[in-house]
Structure formats: structure tokens, C-alpha cells
Amino acid sequence: MSILLEQARALTAAGEAAGAIEVYRQVVAVDPTEPGPRLLLGVLLASQERWAEAVGALEAVLEADAGHVEAHLMLAEVWARQGHADRAEACLNRLVEKQPEQARGWFSLGALQGRRGRVSGAIEALERAIALDPKRLDTLFWLGDARLKAGESAVAADLFRRVLKQNPQHLDARSSLGAACLRLGDGRAAVREFKRVLQDDPERWTVRLLLAQAQRDTGDLKGAEATARDLPAHGEGGLMLGSILHRQGRHEEALAVLQAVAPSPDLHAELGRLYGSMGRWEDSVAHLQEAVHRCPDSARAWYNLGLALSESGRERPAMLAWRRATELDAAYPEPWFALGFSCDAAGRTEEARHYFARYLRLAPRTAQAWQIQRRFPGLEG
């Protein structure tokens, strides 16, 4: 059997997977109880996308040894690569139930749940993995990713920095650190991190898009425009370029760029804002109504729709749109200010004070907050 194993390893090293698979089948036939060759057979079959055969080989390993770690991990990967995330998760759950001290099992489970958008489950599993193996960089990175998705940007940034301290060339961690800085309002730090990523890998278009956003948000509109013009014009790159031109007051250029972008809720929202800046309020309302139709859970889209309705003289539906925005995201300050301003203009002072107080609680250091304090001295959030 040792001769067959050597032959199989040599074929694998030479890239001759088909030949190696046949030799491993011979090895398994000689000794069906030995899990190692059957595991390697499953790995090779998966590498050739012979999924059903790979599953059969790996399940045979687990029938002989229900706690076999590598077989569980590989079988979960095979299921995930076929799009069967539920089966992959069930496989990993069995592994951590049988061997809760296995950091790799918790890591794989957390990473899978993170990719599935199950943020709380991902955080729980990855925390378990870190407790068992604190130095594993990929666990720190995926936990940072989950924390960022959970809105815990400061915690996520610290985790990404821990990764970069050990490996400054971890570009995924650096780009994610930039994203966390952007969410924290530190646009300059975000620009710095994104530029460092692009120095090493200029083809990272998602990072280039985020760089343009960070440059735009820090007021570097010329730099943002130059960055955005390097992006594909038909998708998010065109949407970003249009928003940058809009901010520069180049409305007709922005409109021409946006009209070439593929339809999406974000496109309709940007067109709605642009038409509003151009004073074309009916066009603005039409696009923003389409935005909320396509993405009814977007508080920002409802807020912008309220602005357009108000400017076009439809105050009552504007109030309804702003209230919907506050229902969707009570921590989003702008709709509270809009509601207060509208009520104050209509002479409904107590109602205005209520809405303005909610705004002050969320954004006490803005120009709008100063405006409220001048109108209602002593009002607190």
C-alpha cells in the first residue's frame, strides 16, 4: 500500500488529479478502514468539482470516525461551494458539538454565518474561536468584518489594526479598516488606508470606489472625480461620478453621467436629489417615489422624498414620508429636523419642539442644532 500512496502523492504533486484519484481508489480498496487516503480522495474529487463523489468519500470517513475534524471541515466546504449553506452549517454545528475545543470548527462556522449575513451568530462563533486560538489572523479579520456589519465600527477598526500589526500586507484588513474609518467619520484616515491598498493592488475596484467616496466626503471633489473616472461608468462608478459632479454644481454633466447608469434604487435616489438641486421638483418626486418603491426600507430615500414633496408644495405627504423615515431608522437625525421645521412653519409650536428635541438628542453639535437653539432657547434633547 505504501507504494500506491507514494504514486498517488507523486501524481498529485505533478497536477495529474485524475490519475491520483484512481490510485487513491485502489488504496481505499486495499484498506477501507484507513481514513487518511479516503480523506485525500475526497479533497481531490472536490478540486475537480466532482461533488457527489467527494461527498460520498468524506461521509465515508465520518461514518468510520464521527469526530474527524478535517473531514467535517472539508465536507462543509464542499456543501458551501455547491451553494448548500444550510448543509454546510449543519456539518460545522455537528463538529463544534462533538469537539467544542476545536478553534478551526468555530472559525469556519463563524465565517460561514458572516457570509450568510447572520451577524450575531458569526460574532458568537468567532469569539469562541479567538478564545481558543487568540493569534489566528483570519479569525481576527472575520470577527472585525462581523463587528463592522453589526455597526460596531470602532471595535471593528481595533480588530483590523490588530491584524495589520502582525501582517501589514493584509490588504483585506487594510481596506476594511478604511471602511470602518469612513463609517466613524474619519475620512482622511480612510483615504490614507485605501490609497495604501491601491498602491499594492490597483485593480481593487471596490476599494477605488470607497476611496472616491472618502475623497468626496472630505471635500476633495477634484481628487474624488479623478478617482471615479477610473471606474466602470455603467454601475456604481457612474453613480459615484454623478454624485461628485452634482456636489460641484455641474448638474447637466451629472445628469448625462447618471442617465447612462443601470437602473437601481440608489440611481433613482441620486437622480431625485439632482433634479431637486435643478429645481425640477416633479422629476425629483417621481424618481424618489421609484427609489422607495424599489427599496421601501431605506430611511434616507423616504427622507429625500419628503424634501421633494415639501418643495413641490405637498406638505402633508412630505410629513408622512419623514415620519416613515423615523420609523425605519429612529437614529437618523435629518427627518426629525425636517418634521420640526415643517411644524414650526405651520404654527404647531409644541409639535415642533418635540421633533427638534429628538434631533438635538441625536445631533447636538450641528449647524441645524444651533439654529434650533436660537429659535427655542433652553430646549434640550
Protein backbone atom coordinates (compact mmCIF):
# COMPACT_ATOMS: atom_id res chain seq x y z
CA MET A 1 0.00 0.00 0.00
CA SER A 2 2.90 2.37 0.70
CA ILE A 3 3.96 2.13 -2.95
CA LEU A 4 0.45 3.13 -4.07
CA LEU A 5 0.43 6.05 -1.64
CA GLU A 6 3.76 7.31 -2.96
CA GLN A 7 2.44 7.01 -6.50
CA ALA A 8 -0.72 8.94 -5.60
CA ARG A 9 1.27 11.71 -3.91
CA ALA A 10 3.60 12.00 -6.93
CA LEU A 11 0.65 12.27 -9.32
CA THR A 12 -0.97 14.91 -7.12
CA ALA A 13 2.27 16.92 -6.96
CA ALA A 14 2.52 16.72 -10.77
CA GLY A 15 -1.00 18.08 -11.15
CA GLU A 16 -2.40 14.84 -12.52
CA ALA A 17 -5.52 14.76 -10.34
CA ALA A 18 -7.42 12.19 -12.43
CA GLY A 19 -4.60 9.66 -12.15
CA ALA A 20 -4.16 10.35 -8.43
CA ILE A 21 -7.87 9.78 -7.83
CA GLU A 22 -7.73 6.33 -9.42
CA VAL A 23 -4.69 5.34 -7.35
CA TYR A 24 -6.34 6.55 -4.13
CA ARG A 25 -9.37 4.42 -5.03
CA GLN A 26 -7.05 1.42 -5.17
CA VAL A 27 -5.59 2.33 -1.76
CA VAL A 28 -9.10 2.61 -0.27
CA ALA A 29 -10.00 -0.77 -1.74
CA VAL A 30 -6.96 -2.35 -0.07
CA ASP A 31 -7.78 -0.87 3.37
CA PRO A 32 -11.28 0.67 3.63
CA THR A 33 -10.82 1.35 7.37
CA GLU A 34 -7.93 3.82 6.96
CA PRO A 35 -9.43 7.38 6.90
CA GLY A 36 -6.38 9.25 5.51
CA PRO A 37 -6.49 8.03 1.90
CA ARG A 38 -10.27 8.36 1.75
CA LEU A 39 -9.99 11.96 3.01
CA LEU A 40 -7.38 12.79 0.36
CA LEU A 41 -9.60 11.16 -2.25
CA GLY A 42 -12.45 13.44 -1.18
CA VAL A 43 -10.21 16.52 -1.36
CA LEU A 44 -9.05 15.63 -4.88
CA LEU A 45 -12.59 14.90 -6.07
CA ALA A 46 -13.70 18.30 -4.71
CA SER A 47 -10.80 20.01 -6.51
CA GLN A 48 -12.21 18.56 -9.76
CA GLU A 49 -15.76 19.63 -8.81
CA ARG A 50 -16.91 16.01 -8.74
CA TRP A 51 -19.18 16.97 -5.88
CA ALA A 52 -21.31 13.87 -5.38
CA GLU A 53 -18.26 11.60 -5.32
CA ALA A 54 -16.46 13.97 -2.93
CA VAL A 55 -19.43 13.99 -0.54
CA GLY A 56 -19.54 10.18 -0.64
CA ALA A 57 -15.84 9.87 0.18
CA LEU A 58 -15.97 12.39 3.03
CA GLU A 59 -19.15 10.96 4.53
CA ALA A 60 -17.50 7.54 4.50
CA VAL A 61 -14.67 8.99 6.61
CA LEU A 62 -17.19 10.37 9.10
CA GLU A 63 -19.05 7.06 9.27
CA ALA A 64 -15.81 5.46 10.44
CA ASP A 65 -14.79 8.40 12.68
CA ALA A 66 -17.63 10.78 13.57
CA GLY A 67 -15.22 13.25 15.17
CA HIS A 68 -12.78 13.54 12.26
CA VAL A 69 -12.04 17.28 12.14
CA GLU A 70 -10.58 17.55 8.63
CA ALA A 71 -13.44 15.54 7.11
CA HIS A 72 -16.04 17.80 8.76
CA LEU A 73 -14.27 20.95 7.57
CA MET A 74 -13.82 19.66 4.03
CA LEU A 75 -17.39 18.37 3.77
CA ALA A 76 -18.71 21.76 4.95
CA GLU A 77 -16.57 23.46 2.29
CA VAL A 78 -17.90 21.10 -0.39
CA TRP A 79 -21.51 21.83 0.59
CA ALA A 80 -20.85 25.59 0.70
CA ARG A 81 -19.16 25.60 -2.71
CA GLN A 82 -22.25 23.90 -4.16
CA GLY A 83 -24.50 26.60 -2.64
CA HIS A 84 -25.88 24.35 0.11
CA ALA A 85 -25.16 26.71 3.01
CA ASP A 86 -27.67 25.02 5.34
CA ARG A 87 -25.95 21.66 4.95
CA ALA A 88 -22.53 23.25 5.43
CA GLU A 89 -23.69 24.94 8.62
CA ALA A 90 -25.24 21.73 9.94
CA CYS A 91 -21.94 19.92 9.31
CA LEU A 92 -19.97 22.55 11.24
CA ASN A 93 -22.50 22.58 14.07
CA ARG A 94 -22.00 18.82 14.45
CA LEU A 95 -18.25 19.35 14.61
CA VAL A 96 -18.34 22.01 17.36
CA GLU A 97 -20.89 19.99 19.33
CA LYS A 98 -18.60 16.95 19.28
CA GLN A 99 -15.36 18.90 19.71
CA PRO A 100 -16.07 22.31 21.28
CA GLU A 101 -12.35 22.82 21.87
CA GLN A 102 -11.70 22.94 18.09
CA ALA A 103 -10.91 26.56 17.18
CA ARG A 104 -10.98 25.79 13.44
CA GLY A 105 -14.53 24.48 13.70
CA TRP A 106 -15.73 27.65 15.43
CA PHE A 107 -13.83 29.79 12.93
CA SER A 108 -15.34 28.05 9.89
CA LEU A 109 -18.81 28.28 11.42
CA GLY A 110 -18.40 31.98 12.17
CA ALA A 111 -17.03 32.78 8.72
CA LEU A 112 -19.91 30.90 7.06
CA GLN A 113 -22.52 32.67 9.17
CA GLY A 114 -20.87 36.00 8.39
CA ARG A 115 -21.13 35.31 4.66
CA ARG A 116 -24.80 34.42 5.16
CA GLY A 117 -25.49 37.73 6.93
CA ARG A 118 -26.11 36.07 10.31
CA VAL A 119 -24.06 38.64 12.16
CA SER A 120 -24.86 37.78 15.79
CA GLY A 121 -24.19 34.07 15.20
CA ALA A 122 -20.94 34.91 13.39
CA ILE A 123 -19.75 37.08 16.27
CA GLU A 124 -20.56 34.41 18.86
CA ALA A 125 -18.73 31.65 16.94
CA LEU A 126 -15.69 33.80 16.12
CA GLU A 127 -15.37 34.96 19.73
CA ARG A 128 -15.26 31.29 20.73
CA ALA A 129 -12.56 30.68 18.11
CA ILE A 130 -10.43 33.59 19.36
CA ALA A 131 -10.75 32.41 22.96
CA LEU A 132 -9.29 29.08 21.85
CA ASP A 133 -6.65 30.50 19.47
CA PRO A 134 -6.04 34.24 20.07
CA LYS A 135 -3.29 34.64 17.47
CA ARG A 136 -5.06 33.36 14.38
CA LEU A 137 -5.24 36.33 11.97
CA ASP A 138 -8.10 35.12 9.79
CA THR A 139 -10.30 34.78 12.89
CA LEU A 140 -9.48 38.35 13.96
CA PHE A 141 -10.24 39.57 10.43
CA TRP A 142 -13.60 37.80 10.14
CA LEU A 143 -14.61 38.96 13.61
CA GLY A 144 -13.78 42.51 12.54
CA ASP A 145 -15.91 42.02 9.44
CA ALA A 146 -18.84 40.80 11.55
CA ARG A 147 -18.48 43.68 14.01
CA LEU A 148 -18.43 46.14 11.11
CA LYS A 149 -21.63 44.61 9.71
CA ALA A 150 -23.17 44.92 13.18
CA GLY A 151 -22.45 48.67 13.16
CA GLU A 152 -19.67 48.38 15.77
CA SER A 153 -17.19 50.35 13.67
CA ALA A 154 -14.77 51.33 16.46
CA VAL A 155 -14.48 47.73 17.69
CA ALA A 156 -14.03 46.52 14.10
CA ALA A 157 -11.29 49.10 13.46
CA ASP A 158 -9.36 47.89 16.52
CA LEU A 159 -9.57 44.29 15.30
CA PHE A 160 -8.34 45.22 11.81
CA ARG A 161 -5.42 47.12 13.38
CA ARG A 162 -4.52 44.01 15.37
CA VAL A 163 -4.36 42.05 12.12
CA LEU A 164 -2.23 44.71 10.44
CA LYS A 165 0.15 44.89 13.38
CA GLN A 166 1.04 41.26 12.74
CA ASN A 167 0.77 41.42 8.95
CA PRO A 168 0.98 44.92 7.39
CA GLN A 169 0.43 43.36 3.94
CA HIS A 170 -3.04 42.02 4.78
CA LEU A 171 -4.86 44.10 2.16
CA ASP A 172 -8.35 42.88 3.07
CA ALA A 173 -7.80 44.06 6.65
CA ARG A 174 -6.45 47.40 5.45
CA SER A 175 -9.36 48.04 3.10
CA SER A 176 -11.81 47.05 5.85
CA LEU A 177 -10.04 49.39 8.26
CA GLY A 178 -10.58 52.16 5.72
CA ALA A 179 -14.29 51.29 5.54
CA ALA A 180 -14.53 51.38 9.35
CA CYS A 181 -12.80 54.78 9.46
CA LEU A 182 -15.23 56.05 6.82
CA ARG A 183 -18.19 55.00 8.94
CA LEU A 184 -16.63 56.63 12.00
CA GLY A 185 -16.43 59.93 10.13
CA ASP A 186 -12.62 59.89 9.82
CA GLY A 187 -12.49 60.36 6.08
CA ARG A 188 -8.83 61.36 5.99
CA ALA A 189 -7.77 58.13 7.69
CA ALA A 190 -9.99 56.22 5.28
CA VAL A 191 -8.32 57.91 2.29
CA ARG A 192 -4.90 57.02 3.66
CA GLU A 193 -5.77 53.33 4.09
CA PHE A 194 -7.48 52.99 0.70
CA LYS A 195 -4.51 54.59 -1.09
CA ARG A 196 -2.11 52.16 0.59
CA VAL A 197 -4.22 49.23 -0.61
CA LEU A 198 -4.32 50.54 -4.17
CA GLN A 199 -0.54 51.03 -4.22
CA ASP A 200 -0.18 47.26 -3.82
CA ASP A 201 -3.23 46.20 -5.83
CA PRO A 202 -4.51 48.85 -8.27
CA GLU A 203 -7.21 46.50 -9.61
CA ARG A 204 -9.31 46.53 -6.43
CA TRP A 205 -12.25 48.43 -7.89
CA THR A 206 -14.38 48.25 -4.74
CA VAL A 207 -11.57 49.97 -2.80
CA ARG A 208 -11.26 52.58 -5.55
CA LEU A 209 -15.00 53.26 -5.24
CA LEU A 210 -14.66 53.68 -1.46
CA LEU A 211 -11.68 55.98 -1.98
CA ALA A 212 -13.77 58.21 -4.24
CA GLN A 213 -16.49 58.29 -1.57
CA ALA A 214 -13.98 59.20 1.15
CA GLN A 215 -12.44 61.93 -1.01
CA ARG A 216 -15.91 63.29 -1.79
CA ASP A 217 -16.95 63.29 1.85
CA THR A 218 -13.76 65.10 2.95
CA GLY A 219 -14.30 67.83 0.36
CA ASP A 220 -11.61 66.74 -2.11
CA LEU A 221 -14.00 66.82 -5.04
CA LYS A 222 -11.29 67.08 -7.70
CA GLY A 223 -9.49 64.06 -6.30
CA ALA A 224 -12.79 62.20 -5.98
CA GLU A 225 -13.67 62.98 -9.61
CA ALA A 226 -10.29 61.73 -10.85
CA THR A 227 -10.68 58.51 -8.85
CA ALA A 228 -14.27 57.95 -10.01
CA ARG A 229 -13.36 58.44 -13.69
CA ASP A 230 -11.13 55.36 -13.42
CA LEU A 231 -14.17 53.23 -12.51
CA PRO A 232 -16.57 51.48 -14.92
CA ALA A 233 -19.19 54.07 -15.90
CA HIS A 234 -22.29 51.86 -16.14
CA GLY A 235 -22.62 50.83 -12.49
CA GLU A 236 -21.57 52.16 -9.10
CA GLY A 237 -18.66 54.06 -10.64
CA GLY A 238 -21.02 56.12 -12.78
CA LEU A 239 -23.31 56.66 -9.80
CA MET A 240 -20.36 57.92 -7.73
CA LEU A 241 -19.11 60.20 -10.52
CA GLY A 242 -22.61 61.63 -10.97
CA SER A 243 -22.91 62.40 -7.25
CA ILE A 244 -19.48 64.12 -7.28
CA LEU A 245 -20.38 66.26 -10.29
CA HIS A 246 -23.69 67.06 -8.56
CA ARG A 247 -21.82 68.34 -5.50
CA GLN A 248 -19.68 70.52 -7.74
CA GLY A 249 -22.82 72.12 -9.17
CA ARG A 250 -22.18 70.62 -12.63
CA HIS A 251 -25.77 69.46 -12.91
CA GLU A 252 -26.06 68.84 -16.64
CA GLU A 253 -22.84 66.80 -16.68
CA ALA A 254 -24.06 64.83 -13.68
CA LEU A 255 -27.38 64.15 -15.39
CA ALA A 256 -25.65 62.88 -18.55
CA VAL A 257 -23.47 60.51 -16.49
CA LEU A 258 -26.36 59.19 -14.39
CA GLN A 259 -28.61 58.58 -17.38
CA ALA A 260 -26.05 56.01 -18.62
CA VAL A 261 -26.07 54.07 -15.33
CA ALA A 262 -28.05 50.85 -14.99
CA PRO A 263 -31.32 51.38 -13.03
CA SER A 264 -31.21 50.76 -9.28
CA PRO A 265 -32.76 52.23 -6.10
CA ASP A 266 -29.55 54.22 -5.50
CA LEU A 267 -29.67 55.65 -9.02
CA HIS A 268 -33.26 56.83 -8.61
CA ALA A 269 -32.38 58.38 -5.23
CA GLU A 270 -29.41 60.26 -6.71
CA LEU A 271 -31.45 61.42 -9.71
CA GLY A 272 -34.15 62.60 -7.30
CA ARG A 273 -31.63 64.67 -5.34
CA LEU A 274 -30.08 66.01 -8.56
CA TYR A 275 -33.41 67.07 -10.07
CA GLY A 276 -34.20 68.76 -6.75
CA SER A 277 -30.98 70.77 -6.98
CA MET A 278 -32.04 71.76 -10.51
CA GLY A 279 -35.46 72.87 -9.29
CA ARG A 280 -37.24 70.15 -11.28
CA TRP A 281 -39.36 69.01 -8.34
CA GLU A 282 -41.85 66.85 -10.23
CA ASP A 283 -38.98 64.85 -11.76
CA SER A 284 -37.39 64.71 -8.32
CA VAL A 285 -40.56 63.33 -6.72
CA ALA A 286 -41.01 60.75 -9.50
CA HIS A 287 -37.51 59.33 -9.08
CA LEU A 288 -37.64 59.32 -5.29
CA GLN A 289 -41.01 57.57 -5.36
CA GLU A 290 -39.39 54.92 -7.56
CA ALA A 291 -36.50 54.69 -5.08
CA VAL A 292 -38.82 53.96 -2.13
CA HIS A 293 -40.86 51.57 -4.26
CA ARG A 294 -37.72 49.59 -5.09
CA CYS A 295 -36.22 49.90 -1.59
CA PRO A 296 -39.05 50.54 0.89
CA ASP A 297 -36.80 50.07 3.94
CA SER A 298 -34.45 52.95 3.06
CA ALA A 299 -34.91 55.75 5.59
CA ARG A 300 -32.71 58.06 3.51
CA ALA A 301 -34.87 57.56 0.41
CA TRP A 302 -38.04 58.39 2.39
CA TYR A 303 -36.35 61.49 3.85
CA ASN A 304 -35.32 62.75 0.41
CA LEU A 305 -38.80 62.03 -0.93
CA GLY A 306 -40.20 64.19 1.88
CA LEU A 307 -37.92 67.05 0.89
CA ALA A 308 -39.01 66.87 -2.74
CA LEU A 309 -42.71 66.70 -1.79
CA SER A 310 -42.30 69.68 0.53
CA GLU A 311 -40.55 71.77 -2.11
CA SER A 312 -43.30 70.95 -4.59
CA GLY A 313 -45.93 72.22 -2.13
CA ARG A 314 -47.20 68.87 -0.83
CA GLU A 315 -46.54 69.30 2.88
CA ARG A 316 -48.90 66.64 4.22
CA PRO A 317 -47.43 63.73 2.18
CA ALA A 318 -43.97 65.14 2.98
CA MET A 319 -44.72 64.79 6.70
CA LEU A 320 -45.85 61.19 6.13
CA ALA A 321 -42.60 60.43 4.26
CA TRP A 322 -40.46 61.90 7.06
CA ARG A 323 -42.39 60.00 9.71
CA ARG A 324 -41.83 56.81 7.77
CA ALA A 325 -38.10 57.60 7.73
CA THR A 326 -38.07 57.94 11.53
CA GLU A 327 -39.94 54.62 11.89
CA LEU A 328 -37.31 52.89 9.76
CA ASP A 329 -34.32 54.50 11.49
CA ALA A 330 -35.01 56.42 14.69
CA ALA A 331 -31.29 57.30 14.97
CA TYR A 332 -31.26 59.14 11.61
CA PRO A 333 -31.43 62.84 12.64
CA GLU A 334 -32.39 64.68 9.43
CA PRO A 335 -36.07 63.61 9.26
CA TRP A 336 -36.61 64.81 12.86
CA PHE A 337 -35.31 68.25 11.88
CA ALA A 338 -37.49 68.32 8.75
CA LEU A 339 -40.58 67.42 10.80
CA GLY A 340 -39.79 70.11 13.35
CA PHE A 341 -39.16 72.75 10.70
CA SER A 342 -42.41 71.93 8.91
CA CYS A 343 -44.46 72.02 12.12
CA ASP A 344 -42.86 75.29 13.21
CA ALA A 345 -43.64 76.88 9.83
CA ALA A 346 -47.26 75.75 10.21
CA GLY A 347 -47.52 77.30 13.70
CA ARG A 348 -47.63 73.95 15.54
CA THR A 349 -45.05 75.02 18.09
CA GLU A 350 -45.33 72.23 20.66
CA GLU A 351 -45.14 69.57 17.97
CA ALA A 352 -42.11 71.33 16.51
CA ARG A 353 -40.40 71.39 19.92
CA HIS A 354 -40.95 67.65 20.27
CA TYR A 355 -39.32 66.90 16.92
CA PHE A 356 -36.48 69.36 17.45
CA ALA A 357 -35.73 67.83 20.84
CA ARG A 358 -35.36 64.43 19.18
CA TYR A 359 -32.97 65.99 16.67
CA LEU A 360 -30.87 67.64 19.39
CA ARG A 361 -30.55 64.31 21.17
CA LEU A 362 -29.05 62.75 18.04
CA ALA A 363 -27.00 65.63 16.58
CA PRO A 364 -26.28 68.28 19.22
CA ARG A 365 -23.26 69.91 17.51
CA THR A 366 -24.52 70.72 14.02
CA ALA A 367 -25.48 73.98 12.33
CA GLN A 368 -29.13 72.86 12.49
CA ALA A 369 -28.80 72.33 16.25
CA TRP A 370 -27.51 75.90 16.63
CA GLN A 371 -30.50 77.09 14.54
CA ILE A 372 -32.90 75.22 16.85
CA GLN A 373 -31.30 76.69 19.99
CA ARG A 374 -31.71 80.21 18.61
CA ARG A 375 -35.38 79.53 17.85
CA PHE A 376 -36.12 77.73 21.16
CA PRO A 377 -33.56 78.84 23.79
CA GLY A 378 -33.07 76.23 26.50
CA LEU A 379 -34.56 73.36 24.53
CA GLU A 380 -32.72 70.14 25.26
CA GLY A 381 -32.66 66.74 23.63
